[in-house]
Amino acid sequence: MAATSLAATLLCLSLSACVVEPARPAVIRVAPPPPQIEVVPAPHPGYAWDGGHWVWRKGRYVWIPGHWRAVRVGYHWVPGHWAGRAGGWVWVEGHWAP
């Protein structure tokens, strides 16, 4: 019984020392290409259009087409975008804002 209690205590203490830092966005030294022109489909009630964008994968930019997102009542969609930082570019995720 004492061994089990000691093991549980040690496990709790070891986990309490874990610190999780938020992931830092990768700084890409190559500017993203201009956005591609997309034909936006007709509006869908209850959905917001999230336009296409470039992502950095395996050392190059890859285009991700736009898509519809279900609306969150009381919020508006803020599109993701590339921002110049620290001598390069970082991707700022799109999000719902009040």
N, C-alpha and C. Protein backbone atom coordinates (compact mmCIF):
# COMPACT_ATOMS: atom_id res chain seq x y z
N MET A 1 0.83 -1.19 0.00
CA MET A 1 0.00 0.00 0.00
C MET A 1 0.87 1.25 0.00
N ALA A 2 1.92 1.24 0.82
CA ALA A 2 2.81 2.40 0.90
C ALA A 2 3.52 2.64 -0.42
N ALA A 3 3.89 1.57 -1.11
CA ALA A 3 4.58 1.70 -2.41
C ALA A 3 3.66 2.34 -3.44
N THR A 4 2.40 1.97 -3.45
CA THR A 4 1.43 2.54 -4.39
C THR A 4 1.23 4.02 -4.11
N SER A 5 1.11 4.35 -2.83
CA SER A 5 0.93 5.75 -2.45
C SER A 5 2.15 6.58 -2.82
N LEU A 6 3.33 6.04 -2.59
CA LEU A 6 4.57 6.74 -2.94
C LEU A 6 4.67 6.93 -4.46
N ALA A 7 4.32 5.92 -5.21
CA ALA A 7 4.37 6.00 -6.68
C ALA A 7 3.40 7.07 -7.18
N ALA A 8 2.20 7.11 -6.63
CA ALA A 8 1.21 8.11 -7.03
C ALA A 8 1.70 9.52 -6.70
N THR A 9 2.30 9.68 -5.53
CA THR A 9 2.82 10.99 -5.13
C THR A 9 3.94 11.44 -6.05
N LEU A 10 4.86 10.54 -6.38
CA LEU A 10 5.96 10.87 -7.28
C LEU A 10 5.46 11.22 -8.67
N LEU A 11 4.45 10.49 -9.14
CA LEU A 11 3.87 10.79 -10.45
C LEU A 11 3.26 12.19 -10.46
N CYS A 12 2.51 12.53 -9.43
CA CYS A 12 1.90 13.86 -9.35
C CYS A 12 2.96 14.95 -9.30
N LEU A 13 4.02 14.73 -8.52
CA LEU A 13 5.08 15.73 -8.43
C LEU A 13 5.81 15.89 -9.76
N SER A 14 6.03 14.79 -10.46
CA SER A 14 6.75 14.90 -11.74
C SER A 14 5.89 15.62 -12.77
N LEU A 15 4.59 15.40 -12.76
CA LEU A 15 3.71 16.08 -13.71
C LEU A 15 3.54 17.54 -13.38
N SER A 16 3.62 17.90 -12.10
CA SER A 16 3.46 19.30 -11.73
C SER A 16 4.63 20.14 -12.20
N ALA A 17 5.75 19.51 -12.53
CA ALA A 17 6.93 20.24 -13.01
C ALA A 17 6.86 20.50 -14.51
N CYS A 18 5.89 19.91 -15.19
CA CYS A 18 5.77 20.10 -16.64
C CYS A 18 5.26 21.51 -16.94
N VAL A 19 5.93 22.17 -17.83
CA VAL A 19 5.51 23.51 -18.24
C VAL A 19 5.28 23.45 -19.75
N VAL A 20 4.11 23.84 -20.16
CA VAL A 20 3.80 23.84 -21.58
C VAL A 20 3.78 25.28 -22.05
N GLU A 21 4.69 25.60 -22.97
CA GLU A 21 4.73 26.93 -23.55
C GLU A 21 3.92 26.94 -24.82
N PRO A 22 3.25 28.06 -25.10
CA PRO A 22 2.53 28.14 -26.37
C PRO A 22 3.52 28.04 -27.52
N ALA A 23 3.09 27.40 -28.59
CA ALA A 23 3.95 27.25 -29.76
C ALA A 23 4.23 28.63 -30.36
N ARG A 24 5.48 28.87 -30.68
CA ARG A 24 5.84 30.12 -31.35
C ARG A 24 5.64 29.93 -32.84
N PRO A 25 5.05 30.94 -33.50
CA PRO A 25 4.86 30.78 -34.93
C PRO A 25 6.20 30.74 -35.65
N ALA A 26 6.27 29.92 -36.68
CA ALA A 26 7.50 29.81 -37.47
C ALA A 26 7.68 31.09 -38.28
N VAL A 27 8.89 31.60 -38.30
CA VAL A 27 9.20 32.78 -39.11
C VAL A 27 9.72 32.27 -40.45
N ILE A 28 9.02 32.61 -41.51
CA ILE A 28 9.38 32.20 -42.87
C ILE A 28 10.12 33.36 -43.51
N ARG A 29 11.28 33.12 -44.04
CA ARG A 29 12.11 34.19 -44.62
C ARG A 29 11.67 34.60 -46.02
N VAL A 30 10.84 33.80 -46.65
CA VAL A 30 10.36 34.09 -48.01
C VAL A 30 8.95 34.66 -47.93
N ALA A 31 8.74 35.82 -48.56
CA ALA A 31 7.40 36.45 -48.53
C ALA A 31 6.39 35.55 -49.25
N PRO A 32 5.16 35.51 -48.75
CA PRO A 32 4.14 34.71 -49.44
C PRO A 32 3.78 35.32 -50.79
N PRO A 33 3.39 34.49 -51.75
CA PRO A 33 2.94 35.01 -53.04
C PRO A 33 1.64 35.80 -52.85
N PRO A 34 1.26 36.59 -53.86
CA PRO A 34 -0.03 37.28 -53.77
C PRO A 34 -1.16 36.26 -53.68
N PRO A 35 -2.26 36.62 -53.03
CA PRO A 35 -3.39 35.67 -52.95
C PRO A 35 -3.91 35.32 -54.34
N GLN A 36 -4.36 34.09 -54.48
CA GLN A 36 -4.99 33.69 -55.74
C GLN A 36 -6.40 34.25 -55.78
N ILE A 37 -6.88 34.49 -56.97
CA ILE A 37 -8.26 34.99 -57.12
C ILE A 37 -9.20 33.79 -57.05
N GLU A 38 -10.17 33.90 -56.16
CA GLU A 38 -11.15 32.82 -55.98
C GLU A 38 -12.53 33.32 -56.37
N VAL A 39 -13.31 32.44 -56.94
CA VAL A 39 -14.71 32.74 -57.18
C VAL A 39 -15.45 32.31 -55.91
N VAL A 40 -16.00 33.30 -55.21
CA VAL A 40 -16.69 33.01 -53.95
C VAL A 40 -18.11 32.56 -54.28
N PRO A 41 -18.49 31.37 -53.81
CA PRO A 41 -19.86 30.90 -54.06
C PRO A 41 -20.89 31.82 -53.42
N ALA A 42 -22.12 31.68 -53.86
CA ALA A 42 -23.22 32.48 -53.30
C ALA A 42 -23.27 32.28 -51.79
N PRO A 43 -23.65 33.34 -51.05
CA PRO A 43 -23.71 33.24 -49.59
C PRO A 43 -24.62 32.11 -49.11
N HIS A 44 -24.24 31.52 -48.01
CA HIS A 44 -25.04 30.49 -47.35
C HIS A 44 -25.49 31.05 -46.02
N PRO A 45 -26.80 31.10 -45.75
CA PRO A 45 -27.26 31.60 -44.46
C PRO A 45 -26.63 30.80 -43.32
N GLY A 46 -26.13 31.52 -42.31
CA GLY A 46 -25.54 30.86 -41.15
C GLY A 46 -24.08 30.48 -41.34
N TYR A 47 -23.47 30.92 -42.45
CA TYR A 47 -22.07 30.60 -42.71
C TYR A 47 -21.31 31.84 -43.15
N ALA A 48 -20.03 31.88 -42.85
CA ALA A 48 -19.15 32.97 -43.26
C ALA A 48 -18.07 32.39 -44.17
N TRP A 49 -17.71 33.12 -45.21
CA TRP A 49 -16.68 32.66 -46.13
C TRP A 49 -15.29 32.94 -45.55
N ASP A 50 -14.47 31.91 -45.50
CA ASP A 50 -13.08 32.02 -45.07
C ASP A 50 -12.24 31.85 -46.33
N GLY A 51 -11.73 32.95 -46.86
CA GLY A 51 -11.02 32.93 -48.13
C GLY A 51 -9.77 32.06 -48.10
N GLY A 52 -9.35 31.65 -49.28
CA GLY A 52 -8.16 30.83 -49.41
C GLY A 52 -6.91 31.59 -48.98
N HIS A 53 -5.85 30.84 -48.69
CA HIS A 53 -4.61 31.46 -48.25
C HIS A 53 -3.44 30.51 -48.50
N TRP A 54 -2.25 31.07 -48.45
CA TRP A 54 -1.04 30.28 -48.59
C TRP A 54 -0.60 29.73 -47.24
N VAL A 55 -0.13 28.49 -47.22
CA VAL A 55 0.51 27.90 -46.04
C VAL A 55 1.92 27.47 -46.43
N TRP A 56 2.80 27.44 -45.46
CA TRP A 56 4.19 27.03 -45.69
C TRP A 56 4.30 25.55 -45.33
N ARG A 57 4.61 24.71 -46.32
CA ARG A 57 4.74 23.27 -46.09
C ARG A 57 5.96 22.74 -46.82
N LYS A 58 6.79 22.06 -46.08
CA LYS A 58 7.97 21.40 -46.66
C LYS A 58 8.82 22.33 -47.52
N GLY A 59 9.02 23.55 -47.02
CA GLY A 59 9.91 24.47 -47.69
C GLY A 59 9.33 25.24 -48.86
N ARG A 60 8.00 25.25 -48.99
CA ARG A 60 7.38 26.02 -50.07
C ARG A 60 5.95 26.40 -49.68
N TYR A 61 5.42 27.39 -50.39
CA TYR A 61 4.04 27.81 -50.16
C TYR A 61 3.08 26.92 -50.94
N VAL A 62 1.97 26.57 -50.28
CA VAL A 62 0.92 25.76 -50.90
C VAL A 62 -0.39 26.49 -50.69
N TRP A 63 -1.21 26.60 -51.74
CA TRP A 63 -2.49 27.29 -51.66
C TRP A 63 -3.55 26.39 -51.04
N ILE A 64 -4.28 26.93 -50.06
CA ILE A 64 -5.42 26.26 -49.44
C ILE A 64 -6.67 27.01 -49.88
N PRO A 65 -7.59 26.36 -50.59
CA PRO A 65 -8.78 27.06 -51.08
C PRO A 65 -9.69 27.52 -49.93
N GLY A 66 -10.48 28.54 -50.21
CA GLY A 66 -11.45 29.04 -49.24
C GLY A 66 -12.54 28.03 -48.96
N HIS A 67 -13.26 28.27 -47.87
CA HIS A 67 -14.36 27.38 -47.49
C HIS A 67 -15.32 28.12 -46.57
N TRP A 68 -16.47 27.53 -46.37
CA TRP A 68 -17.48 28.12 -45.49
C TRP A 68 -17.24 27.66 -44.06
N ARG A 69 -17.47 28.57 -43.10
CA ARG A 69 -17.41 28.27 -41.67
C ARG A 69 -18.77 28.60 -41.06
N ALA A 70 -19.23 27.73 -40.17
CA ALA A 70 -20.50 27.99 -39.48
C ALA A 70 -20.33 29.24 -38.61
N VAL A 71 -21.29 30.15 -38.71
CA VAL A 71 -21.24 31.41 -37.95
C VAL A 71 -21.42 31.14 -36.47
N ARG A 72 -20.68 31.87 -35.66
CA ARG A 72 -20.88 31.88 -34.21
C ARG A 72 -21.68 33.13 -33.89
N VAL A 73 -22.85 32.96 -33.34
CA VAL A 73 -23.74 34.08 -33.05
C VAL A 73 -23.04 35.08 -32.14
N GLY A 74 -23.08 36.37 -32.52
CA GLY A 74 -22.47 37.42 -31.73
C GLY A 74 -21.00 37.66 -32.06
N TYR A 75 -20.47 36.93 -33.06
CA TYR A 75 -19.06 37.07 -33.45
C TYR A 75 -18.96 37.33 -34.95
N HIS A 76 -17.81 37.84 -35.37
CA HIS A 76 -17.54 37.97 -36.81
C HIS A 76 -16.20 37.30 -37.10
N TRP A 77 -16.05 36.82 -38.31
CA TRP A 77 -14.84 36.10 -38.69
C TRP A 77 -13.73 37.08 -39.06
N VAL A 78 -12.57 36.94 -38.44
CA VAL A 78 -11.38 37.72 -38.75
C VAL A 78 -10.47 36.77 -39.54
N PRO A 79 -10.25 37.04 -40.82
CA PRO A 79 -9.47 36.10 -41.63
C PRO A 79 -8.01 36.00 -41.19
N GLY A 80 -7.43 34.83 -41.39
CA GLY A 80 -6.01 34.65 -41.15
C GLY A 80 -5.22 35.47 -42.16
N HIS A 81 -3.98 35.78 -41.82
CA HIS A 81 -3.16 36.58 -42.73
C HIS A 81 -1.67 36.41 -42.39
N TRP A 82 -0.84 36.71 -43.37
CA TRP A 82 0.61 36.72 -43.16
C TRP A 82 1.01 38.10 -42.66
N ALA A 83 1.84 38.14 -41.63
CA ALA A 83 2.31 39.40 -41.06
C ALA A 83 3.83 39.41 -41.06
N GLY A 84 4.40 40.54 -41.43
CA GLY A 84 5.85 40.69 -41.41
C GLY A 84 6.34 40.82 -39.98
N ARG A 85 7.27 39.95 -39.56
CA ARG A 85 7.83 39.99 -38.21
C ARG A 85 9.23 39.39 -38.20
N ALA A 86 10.08 39.95 -37.36
CA ALA A 86 11.40 39.38 -37.07
C ALA A 86 12.18 39.01 -38.33
N GLY A 87 12.18 39.89 -39.32
CA GLY A 87 12.95 39.64 -40.53
C GLY A 87 12.33 38.61 -41.45
N GLY A 88 11.06 38.31 -41.28
CA GLY A 88 10.39 37.32 -42.13
C GLY A 88 8.89 37.48 -42.05
N TRP A 89 8.20 36.38 -42.21
CA TRP A 89 6.73 36.36 -42.23
C TRP A 89 6.22 35.27 -41.30
N VAL A 90 5.13 35.57 -40.58
CA VAL A 90 4.47 34.57 -39.73
C VAL A 90 2.99 34.53 -40.08
N TRP A 91 2.40 33.36 -39.96
CA TRP A 91 0.97 33.18 -40.22
C TRP A 91 0.20 33.48 -38.94
N VAL A 92 -0.79 34.37 -39.04
CA VAL A 92 -1.67 34.71 -37.93
C VAL A 92 -3.00 34.02 -38.24
N GLU A 93 -3.36 33.06 -37.38
CA GLU A 93 -4.58 32.27 -37.61
C GLU A 93 -5.84 33.15 -37.63
N GLY A 94 -6.79 32.76 -38.49
CA GLY A 94 -8.10 33.40 -38.47
C GLY A 94 -8.83 33.01 -37.20
N HIS A 95 -9.78 33.85 -36.77
CA HIS A 95 -10.49 33.57 -35.52
C HIS A 95 -11.81 34.32 -35.48
N TRP A 96 -12.66 33.89 -34.57
CA TRP A 96 -13.92 34.57 -34.32
C TRP A 96 -13.68 35.64 -33.27
N ALA A 97 -14.17 36.85 -33.53
CA ALA A 97 -14.02 37.95 -32.58
C ALA A 97 -15.40 38.53 -32.26
N PRO A 98 -15.58 39.04 -31.03
CA PRO A 98 -16.87 39.63 -30.67
C PRO A 98 -17.15 40.93 -31.40
